[in-house]
Amino acid sequence: MKKTAARTHPLRILRNQHNLTIEQLANEARVGAATIWRAEHQYPINAESRRRLCSYFGKTSRELGLIEAEESSPKLPAGEQQPSEQTTDTQFIQTAYALASLLDEGWKPHALLDVLQIILQSVQALPEEVRRALLHGDSAQLAQKVALVGRTHVSMKERIQLCQTLSESVSVAWQLSHQVRPDHTFMVAQALLTLLQQTHELLPEQQRGSLYAALYNLQGAAYLYQGRYCQAHQSHMKAHVAALEGSDIWNMAQSLNWLAVVANASGNHADALQYIQAALHLLIRSNGEEDERYVRLKAHLLADWAYNAARLHRREETREKLAASAAITERLKPNEEYDQARWYQIAGSCSLSLDNPAEAIRYLERSLTQVSPVWIMRCLLTMMPLAEAYARTHELEASLRIAERSVTLLDNAASTMLYQRFKEYQQILVTLFPSEPIVQHFLEQTQGTLLLSS
């Protein structure tokens, strides 16, 4: 007996016509990714989500198949529930459907499991009454319902445990961001932000501000690697405001650091220097010399100061800030955010900007031997200037060898910002070696990577 082919949902058809992933549509229309998945699989969604989707596409609920989804969705009689084991089975199947759609969007199973583990860690820390309220509550009133439950059913010990677990999840999410694609980073940041907003009233005010700041910065970092600099700037500004509200000096300085990174990526090096100087001023006033986070951030800021000075061709200022950073950095242990290998990478990029590619090669090669291979973003940020430095010293084979290694990582990183840098490297090759057959062959081989960046 033949099965009738399932009709593709109108919302999914329209989403595909606009070349949008579920996550991209969720971000653009300001609804949850899970909401879009539910709608496309004939499950009802709330009126506000319908309104936002209709407004985004300029269509009616019926044209998007949203009213039909509600009418055709099976409902149980009032007061009647399925047996618990059937409900559990159904939940597993629905979850599997949702995860399968993410795999269709290009997620790797191991990356999906890493993200799920972070989110589940925080969800598991929720008091049972709160979890039940979140699971069965109306999305428009969840925060109020959780606040009510919190006043009557959540102890101070449970609040502290929830806060600690959320902090641990945020820390793990930051570590993971150096190893996965920026869209994966964005999803875990968005999921944790949603959970934080839902449990807002259960958390102490100061810690709450720090959590918001860390997650907005994580969201901004994902935007940065996606090449979405305006959104990155906005996220880091939100982080700065949240840190101010929580009187969290370290996150205030860290958000300024990220604002400097965005300004640098946009070519606004003078603005980047202003953000860096403001961040350093905060750290100096904080008297946090004994805190390793403060020491590491100070060293990072000084190194970034040197890089932006180099981009403005301020040689003496570059040397001075690199030396100040080096004196601090040599005491630091390896770390995904900033360490000795990162200092070598920044120093090499400074040398390249100041037209000293031979010195750049020495620094960048040392960085590449020390950086962990799982930190793919940092590996690429080292390989690309290294390939350029070899090209500028006319060591073509060495340049292409490094560039070929970077191509595989670029596919894994899926970063628009890094694709653009690779495109700039290709243009440098054409300029320096216009008639070299091996260069033409390399450009033909990497044409797919060039197309991805456009």
Protein backbone atom coordinates (compact mmCIF):
# COMPACT_ATOMS: atom_id res chain seq x y z
CA MET A 1 0.00 0.00 0.00
CA LYS A 2 1.46 3.36 -1.04
CA LYS A 3 1.96 6.11 1.50
CA THR A 4 0.63 9.55 0.66
CA ALA A 5 3.48 12.03 0.45
CA ALA A 6 3.35 14.61 3.22
CA ARG A 7 2.47 18.09 1.97
CA THR A 8 5.23 20.63 2.56
CA HIS A 9 3.99 23.29 4.96
CA PRO A 10 3.43 26.77 3.40
CA LEU A 11 5.66 28.40 6.02
CA ARG A 12 8.56 26.10 5.16
CA ILE A 13 8.04 26.71 1.43
CA LEU A 14 8.18 30.47 1.96
CA ARG A 15 11.19 30.17 4.29
CA ASN A 16 13.09 28.16 1.67
CA GLN A 17 12.14 30.66 -1.04
CA HIS A 18 13.77 33.38 1.08
CA ASN A 19 16.86 31.16 1.64
CA LEU A 20 16.39 31.29 5.42
CA THR A 21 17.31 28.64 7.96
CA ILE A 22 14.98 28.13 10.91
CA GLU A 23 17.43 30.04 13.13
CA GLN A 24 17.72 32.95 10.70
CA LEU A 25 13.94 33.30 10.38
CA ALA A 26 13.58 33.07 14.16
CA ASN A 27 16.08 35.90 14.58
CA GLU A 28 14.57 38.09 11.84
CA ALA A 29 10.93 37.60 12.90
CA ARG A 30 11.76 37.65 16.64
CA VAL A 31 10.17 34.30 17.47
CA GLY A 32 11.68 31.12 18.86
CA ALA A 33 13.28 28.55 16.54
CA ALA A 34 11.17 25.89 18.27
CA THR A 35 8.05 27.93 17.44
CA ILE A 36 8.87 27.83 13.72
CA TRP A 37 9.55 24.11 13.89
CA ARG A 38 6.18 23.54 15.59
CA ALA A 39 4.33 25.58 12.97
CA GLU A 40 6.01 23.75 10.08
CA HIS A 41 5.04 20.42 11.64
CA GLN A 42 1.34 21.29 12.06
CA TYR A 43 1.45 22.15 15.77
CA PRO A 44 -0.34 25.27 17.07
CA ILE A 45 1.60 28.41 17.99
CA ASN A 46 0.43 31.40 20.01
CA ALA A 47 -1.24 34.49 18.56
CA GLU A 48 1.76 36.79 19.07
CA SER A 49 4.06 34.42 17.16
CA ARG A 50 1.50 34.22 14.34
CA ARG A 51 1.32 38.02 14.22
CA ARG A 52 5.11 38.39 13.99
CA LEU A 53 5.46 35.79 11.23
CA CYS A 54 2.60 37.35 9.26
CA SER A 55 4.15 40.80 9.67
CA TYR A 56 7.57 39.55 8.52
CA PHE A 57 6.30 37.86 5.35
CA GLY A 58 3.38 40.23 4.67
CA LYS A 59 0.97 37.26 4.59
CA THR A 60 -2.15 36.22 6.47
CA SER A 61 -2.21 33.39 9.01
CA ARG A 62 -4.16 31.26 6.56
CA GLU A 63 -1.66 31.91 3.74
CA LEU A 64 1.16 30.81 6.04
CA GLY A 65 -0.78 27.69 7.06
CA LEU A 66 -0.90 28.77 10.70
CA ILE A 67 -4.67 28.73 11.22
CA GLU A 68 -4.93 25.43 9.38
CA ALA A 69 -2.25 24.04 11.70
CA GLU A 70 -4.37 24.91 14.72
CA GLU A 71 -7.58 23.53 13.23
CA SER A 72 -6.01 20.23 12.13
CA SER A 73 -3.93 19.71 15.26
CA PRO A 74 -5.33 16.82 17.32
CA LYS A 75 -6.75 17.85 20.69
CA LEU A 76 -7.70 15.70 23.67
CA PRO A 77 -11.05 16.18 25.40
CA ALA A 78 -10.93 18.56 28.37
CA GLY A 79 -9.48 16.92 31.45
CA GLU A 80 -8.31 13.84 29.55
CA GLN A 81 -4.61 12.98 29.38
CA GLN A 82 -2.63 10.35 27.58
CA PRO A 83 -0.92 7.70 29.68
CA SER A 84 2.43 8.97 30.98
CA GLU A 85 4.49 6.45 29.02
CA GLN A 86 2.79 7.49 25.77
CA THR A 87 3.38 11.16 26.60
CA THR A 88 7.07 10.43 27.17
CA ASP A 89 7.29 8.54 23.88
CA THR A 90 5.60 11.41 22.07
CA GLN A 91 7.99 13.92 23.64
CA PHE A 92 10.98 11.89 22.49
CA ILE A 93 9.60 11.66 18.95
CA GLN A 94 8.82 15.39 18.80
CA THR A 95 12.30 16.19 20.10
CA ALA A 96 13.83 13.85 17.52
CA TYR A 97 11.88 15.61 14.75
CA ALA A 98 13.17 18.99 15.93
CA LEU A 99 16.76 17.75 16.12
CA ALA A 100 16.47 16.13 12.69
CA SER A 101 15.50 19.50 11.22
CA LEU A 102 18.70 20.97 12.70
CA LEU A 103 20.73 18.20 11.09
CA ASP A 104 19.03 19.11 7.81
CA GLU A 105 20.27 22.68 8.34
CA GLY A 106 23.89 21.43 8.39
CA TRP A 107 24.52 20.67 12.06
CA LYS A 108 26.95 17.85 12.88
CA PRO A 109 25.66 15.31 15.44
CA HIS A 110 28.59 15.87 17.83
CA ALA A 111 28.08 19.66 17.75
CA LEU A 112 24.37 19.21 18.41
CA LEU A 113 25.10 16.99 21.41
CA ASP A 114 27.63 19.50 22.79
CA VAL A 115 25.04 22.29 22.61
CA LEU A 116 22.31 20.11 24.11
CA GLN A 117 24.55 19.13 27.00
CA ILE A 118 25.10 22.79 27.91
CA ILE A 119 21.40 23.63 27.81
CA LEU A 120 20.30 20.46 29.61
CA GLN A 121 22.75 21.18 32.41
CA SER A 122 20.92 24.42 33.19
CA VAL A 123 17.43 23.02 32.65
CA GLN A 124 18.19 20.13 35.00
CA ALA A 125 19.16 22.63 37.73
CA LEU A 126 15.69 24.21 37.65
CA PRO A 127 13.54 23.41 40.69
CA GLU A 128 10.85 20.90 39.74
CA GLU A 129 7.98 23.36 40.23
CA VAL A 130 9.67 25.90 37.96
CA ARG A 131 10.38 23.30 35.29
CA ARG A 132 6.73 22.26 35.34
CA ALA A 133 5.62 25.89 35.01
CA LEU A 134 7.92 26.42 32.02
CA LEU A 135 6.80 23.20 30.36
CA HIS A 136 3.06 23.76 30.62
CA GLY A 137 2.72 27.55 30.85
CA ASP A 138 1.54 30.04 28.23
CA SER A 139 4.67 31.54 26.64
CA ALA A 140 3.28 35.08 26.97
CA GLN A 141 3.02 34.75 30.77
CA LEU A 142 5.93 32.45 31.62
CA ALA A 143 8.04 35.03 33.47
CA GLN A 144 5.11 36.03 35.71
CA LYS A 145 4.21 32.41 36.38
CA VAL A 146 7.80 31.49 37.27
CA ALA A 147 8.03 34.52 39.58
CA LEU A 148 4.85 33.39 41.36
CA VAL A 149 6.14 29.83 41.71
CA GLY A 150 9.48 31.18 42.93
CA ARG A 151 7.90 33.16 45.75
CA THR A 152 6.14 30.11 47.14
CA HIS A 153 8.09 26.99 46.12
CA VAL A 154 11.77 27.87 45.51
CA SER A 155 14.22 27.98 48.41
CA MET A 156 17.27 30.23 48.63
CA LYS A 157 19.49 27.15 48.28
CA GLU A 158 17.75 26.26 45.01
CA ARG A 159 18.18 29.82 43.73
CA ILE A 160 21.91 29.77 44.50
CA GLN A 161 22.28 26.36 42.82
CA LEU A 162 20.45 27.59 39.72
CA CYS A 163 22.67 30.68 39.54
CA GLN A 164 25.85 28.59 39.87
CA THR A 165 24.72 26.13 37.21
CA LEU A 166 23.80 28.91 34.78
CA SER A 167 27.24 30.46 35.35
CA GLU A 168 28.91 27.11 34.63
CA SER A 169 26.82 26.67 31.46
CA VAL A 170 27.79 30.14 30.24
CA SER A 171 31.47 29.38 30.88
CA VAL A 172 31.26 26.09 28.95
CA ALA A 173 29.40 27.84 26.12
CA TRP A 174 32.25 30.35 25.80
CA GLN A 175 34.80 27.53 25.66
CA LEU A 176 32.75 25.75 23.00
CA SER A 177 32.48 28.93 20.89
CA HIS A 178 36.16 28.60 19.92
CA GLN A 179 35.51 25.13 18.47
CA VAL A 180 32.18 25.38 16.62
CA ARG A 181 30.50 27.40 13.90
CA PRO A 182 29.16 30.85 14.85
CA ASP A 183 25.56 29.85 14.13
CA HIS A 184 25.93 27.07 16.71
CA THR A 185 27.36 29.57 19.19
CA PHE A 186 24.45 31.90 18.51
CA MET A 187 21.89 29.17 19.14
CA VAL A 188 23.32 28.15 22.52
CA ALA A 189 23.61 31.83 23.53
CA GLN A 190 20.01 32.45 22.50
CA ALA A 191 18.77 29.34 24.33
CA LEU A 192 20.55 30.31 27.55
CA LEU A 193 19.31 33.90 27.21
CA THR A 194 15.74 32.62 26.90
CA LEU A 195 16.19 30.47 30.00
CA LEU A 196 17.72 33.42 31.85
CA GLN A 197 14.79 35.66 30.90
CA GLN A 198 12.31 33.02 32.03
CA THR A 199 14.01 32.60 35.43
CA HIS A 200 14.89 36.30 35.77
CA GLU A 201 13.06 36.82 39.08
CA LEU A 202 14.70 33.80 40.74
CA LEU A 203 18.25 35.14 40.45
CA PRO A 204 20.09 37.73 42.60
CA GLU A 205 20.31 41.09 40.82
CA GLN A 206 24.11 41.38 40.64
CA GLN A 207 24.70 37.83 39.35
CA ARG A 208 21.79 38.27 36.96
CA GLY A 209 23.47 41.29 35.36
CA SER A 210 26.73 39.36 34.95
CA LEU A 211 24.94 36.45 33.27
CA TYR A 212 23.12 38.75 30.85
CA ALA A 213 26.39 40.53 30.03
CA ALA A 214 28.27 37.28 29.35
CA LEU A 215 25.50 35.94 27.11
CA TYR A 216 25.04 39.18 25.15
CA ASN A 217 28.81 39.20 24.58
CA LEU A 218 28.65 35.57 23.41
CA GLN A 219 25.82 36.46 21.04
CA GLY A 220 27.86 39.42 19.78
CA ALA A 221 30.90 37.21 19.17
CA ALA A 222 28.75 34.91 17.02
CA TYR A 223 27.46 37.90 15.04
CA LEU A 224 31.05 39.09 14.56
CA TYR A 225 32.21 35.83 12.98
CA GLN A 226 29.09 35.86 10.81
CA GLY A 227 30.24 39.24 9.48
CA ARG A 228 27.18 40.99 10.97
CA TYR A 229 29.03 43.86 12.57
CA CYS A 230 26.05 46.14 13.33
CA GLN A 231 24.27 43.37 15.24
CA ALA A 232 27.53 42.48 17.01
CA HIS A 233 27.94 46.10 18.12
CA GLN A 234 24.36 46.19 19.44
CA SER A 235 24.81 42.94 21.40
CA HIS A 236 28.03 44.14 23.03
CA MET A 237 26.36 47.44 23.94
CA LYS A 238 23.59 45.44 25.63
CA ALA A 239 26.28 43.49 27.47
CA HIS A 240 27.87 46.72 28.69
CA VAL A 241 24.54 48.03 29.99
CA ALA A 242 23.79 44.72 31.75
CA ALA A 243 27.24 44.74 33.37
CA LEU A 244 26.70 48.33 34.51
CA GLU A 245 23.37 47.36 36.09
CA GLY A 246 25.08 44.49 37.90
CA SER A 247 28.10 46.61 38.93
CA ASP A 248 30.31 43.99 37.24
CA ILE A 249 33.55 45.77 36.33
CA TRP A 250 35.15 42.79 34.59
CA ASN A 251 32.20 42.30 32.23
CA MET A 252 32.03 46.05 31.65
CA ALA A 253 35.67 45.95 30.51
CA GLN A 254 35.12 42.74 28.54
CA SER A 255 32.19 44.24 26.63
CA LEU A 256 34.36 47.26 25.77
CA ASN A 257 37.04 44.82 24.62
CA TRP A 258 34.54 43.17 22.26
CA LEU A 259 33.32 46.54 21.01
CA ALA A 260 36.95 47.26 20.13
CA VAL A 261 37.19 43.95 18.25
CA VAL A 262 34.07 44.82 16.23
CA ALA A 263 35.41 48.31 15.47
CA ASN A 264 38.73 46.77 14.40
CA ALA A 265 36.97 44.27 12.11
CA SER A 266 35.03 47.17 10.58
CA GLY A 267 38.28 49.07 9.92
CA ASN A 268 37.60 51.71 12.60
CA HIS A 269 40.93 51.42 14.42
CA ALA A 270 40.77 54.83 16.12
CA ASP A 271 37.39 53.88 17.64
CA ALA A 272 38.83 50.53 18.70
CA LEU A 273 41.63 52.30 20.58
CA GLN A 274 39.11 54.44 22.46
CA TYR A 275 37.19 51.35 23.62
CA ILE A 276 40.46 49.66 24.68
CA GLN A 277 41.62 52.68 26.67
CA ALA A 278 38.24 52.91 28.43
CA ALA A 279 38.40 49.19 29.32
CA LEU A 280 41.94 49.50 30.70
CA HIS A 281 40.88 52.51 32.76
CA LEU A 282 38.14 50.39 34.36
CA LEU A 283 40.56 47.56 35.16
CA ILE A 284 43.12 49.91 36.72
CA ARG A 285 40.45 51.46 38.95
CA SER A 286 39.13 48.06 40.04
CA ASN A 287 42.22 46.95 42.00
CA GLY A 288 41.81 43.44 40.58
CA GLU A 289 45.53 42.74 40.11
CA GLU A 290 45.29 39.41 41.94
CA ASP A 291 42.37 38.09 39.89
CA GLU A 292 43.64 36.05 36.92
CA ARG A 293 40.67 37.11 34.77
CA TYR A 294 41.62 40.78 35.24
CA VAL A 295 45.30 40.10 34.54
CA ARG A 296 44.50 38.11 31.38
CA LEU A 297 42.08 40.75 30.09
CA LYS A 298 44.61 43.53 30.73
CA ALA A 299 47.29 41.67 28.76
CA HIS A 300 44.81 41.03 25.94
CA LEU A 301 43.75 44.68 25.79
CA LEU A 302 47.36 45.88 25.62
CA ALA A 303 48.10 43.45 22.78
CA ASP A 304 44.99 44.59 20.90
CA TRP A 305 46.06 48.21 21.49
CA ALA A 306 49.36 47.35 19.79
CA TYR A 307 47.57 45.76 16.83
CA ASN A 308 45.28 48.74 16.22
CA ALA A 309 48.27 51.10 16.57
CA ALA A 310 50.09 49.00 13.96
CA ARG A 311 47.14 49.29 11.60
CA LEU A 312 47.49 53.07 11.99
CA HIS A 313 51.28 52.73 11.37
CA ARG A 314 52.26 53.98 14.83
CA ARG A 315 55.46 51.97 15.19
CA GLU A 316 56.71 53.21 18.57
CA GLU A 317 53.29 52.87 20.18
CA THR A 318 52.99 49.34 18.78
CA ARG A 319 56.34 48.27 20.26
CA GLU A 320 55.55 49.85 23.63
CA LYS A 321 52.16 48.15 24.05
CA LEU A 322 53.42 44.78 22.79
CA ALA A 323 56.23 44.87 25.35
CA ALA A 324 53.81 45.81 28.16
CA SER A 325 51.49 42.98 27.15
CA ALA A 326 54.35 40.46 26.86
CA ALA A 327 55.51 41.18 30.42
CA ILE A 328 52.08 40.14 31.71
CA THR A 329 51.35 37.36 29.21
CA GLU A 330 54.41 35.26 30.04
CA ARG A 331 52.88 34.50 33.47
CA LEU A 332 49.59 33.21 32.04
CA LYS A 333 48.56 29.60 31.52
CA PRO A 334 47.11 28.41 28.16
CA ASN A 335 43.55 29.61 27.69
CA GLU A 336 41.14 29.64 24.75
CA GLU A 337 40.49 33.39 25.12
CA TYR A 338 44.04 34.75 25.44
CA ASP A 339 47.47 33.28 26.21
CA GLN A 340 51.08 33.24 24.98
CA ALA A 341 50.12 31.72 21.62
CA ARG A 342 47.56 34.49 21.13
CA TRP A 343 50.23 37.10 21.93
CA TYR A 344 52.49 35.62 19.24
CA GLN A 345 49.59 35.72 16.78
CA ILE A 346 48.87 39.40 17.51
CA ALA A 347 52.58 40.29 17.43
CA GLY A 348 52.90 38.58 14.04
CA SER A 349 49.90 40.47 12.70
CA CYS A 350 51.47 43.72 13.96
CA SER A 351 54.71 42.94 12.11
CA LEU A 352 52.77 42.19 8.93
CA SER A 353 50.88 45.50 9.20
CA LEU A 354 54.21 47.32 9.65
CA ASP A 355 55.64 45.74 6.46
CA ASN A 356 57.95 43.25 8.17
CA PRO A 357 56.70 39.87 6.86
CA ALA A 358 59.87 37.98 7.84
CA GLU A 359 59.39 38.91 11.50
CA ALA A 360 55.67 38.13 11.16
CA ILE A 361 56.52 34.59 10.02
CA ARG A 362 58.65 33.95 13.11
CA TYR A 363 55.90 35.07 15.48
CA LEU A 364 53.05 33.36 13.64
CA GLU A 365 54.87 30.03 13.29
CA ARG A 366 55.47 30.02 17.06
CA SER A 367 51.79 30.76 17.62
CA LEU A 368 50.71 27.94 15.32
CA THR A 369 52.87 25.40 17.16
CA GLN A 370 51.36 26.38 20.53
CA VAL A 371 47.67 26.95 19.82
CA SER A 372 45.33 23.99 20.41
CA PRO A 373 44.09 22.52 17.09
CA VAL A 374 40.53 22.33 18.47
CA TRP A 375 40.36 26.14 18.67
CA ILE A 376 39.58 26.45 14.99
CA MET A 377 38.85 30.20 15.00
CA ARG A 378 42.22 30.98 16.54
CA CYS A 379 44.00 28.58 14.19
CA LEU A 380 42.50 30.40 11.22
CA LEU A 381 43.32 33.83 12.65
CA THR A 382 46.94 32.62 12.77
CA MET A 383 47.08 30.77 9.44
CA MET A 384 45.70 33.55 7.26
CA PRO A 385 48.26 36.24 8.12
CA LEU A 386 50.97 33.55 8.05
CA ALA A 387 50.01 32.54 4.50
CA GLU A 388 50.04 36.22 3.53
CA ALA A 389 53.45 36.79 5.17
CA TYR A 390 54.98 33.88 3.23
CA ALA A 391 53.47 35.28 0.03
CA ARG A 392 54.97 38.71 0.70
CA THR A 393 58.42 37.16 1.17
CA HIS A 394 57.85 35.31 -2.15
CA GLU A 395 57.90 31.90 -0.46
CA LEU A 396 54.99 30.73 -2.57
CA GLU A 397 55.07 27.02 -1.73
CA ALA A 398 55.06 27.72 2.01
CA SER A 399 52.23 30.21 1.55
CA LEU A 400 50.06 27.75 -0.38
CA ARG A 401 50.84 24.96 2.09
CA ILE A 402 49.43 27.05 4.96
CA ALA A 403 46.50 28.25 2.83
CA GLU A 404 45.53 24.69 1.89
CA ARG A 405 45.47 23.73 5.58
CA SER A 406 43.16 26.66 6.27
CA VAL A 407 40.61 25.64 3.61
CA THR A 408 39.42 22.57 5.54
CA LEU A 409 39.13 24.61 8.73
CA LEU A 410 37.19 27.30 6.86
CA ASP A 411 34.58 24.74 5.85
CA ASN A 412 34.21 23.69 9.49
CA ALA A 413 34.17 27.27 10.80
CA ALA A 414 31.50 28.55 8.36
CA SER A 415 32.45 32.14 9.24
CA THR A 416 31.61 34.92 6.79
CA MET A 417 34.25 37.16 8.38
CA LEU A 418 36.96 34.54 7.89
CA TYR A 419 35.75 33.70 4.37
CA GLN A 420 36.23 37.38 3.56
CA ARG A 421 39.79 37.29 4.88
CA PHE A 422 40.50 34.24 2.75
CA LYS A 423 39.14 36.12 -0.26
CA GLU A 424 41.55 38.99 0.52
CA TYR A 425 44.42 36.48 0.62
CA GLN A 426 43.41 35.13 -2.80
CA GLN A 427 43.49 38.66 -4.18
CA ILE A 428 46.99 39.18 -2.72
CA LEU A 429 48.14 36.03 -4.53
CA VAL A 430 46.79 37.33 -7.83
CA THR A 431 48.55 40.67 -7.30
CA LEU A 432 51.92 39.17 -6.32
CA PHE A 433 51.92 36.18 -8.71
CA PRO A 434 49.74 37.17 -11.69
CA SER A 435 51.18 34.59 -14.12
CA GLU A 436 52.12 31.73 -11.80
CA PRO A 437 50.40 28.46 -12.92
CA ILE A 438 50.43 26.99 -9.40
CA VAL A 439 48.53 30.03 -8.14
CA GLN A 440 45.93 29.69 -10.89
CA HIS A 441 45.52 26.02 -10.00
CA PHE A 442 45.07 26.88 -6.30
CA LEU A 443 42.48 29.55 -7.11
CA GLU A 444 40.51 27.08 -9.23
CA GLN A 445 40.65 24.46 -6.46
CA THR A 446 39.38 26.92 -3.85
CA GLN A 447 36.73 28.56 -6.01
CA GLY A 448 34.02 26.97 -3.84
CA THR A 449 35.44 28.64 -0.76
CA LEU A 450 35.52 31.95 -2.63
CA LEU A 451 31.87 31.53 -3.61
CA LEU A 452 30.87 30.80 -0.01
CA SER A 453 32.28 34.16 1.05
CA SER A 454 30.21 36.13 -1.43
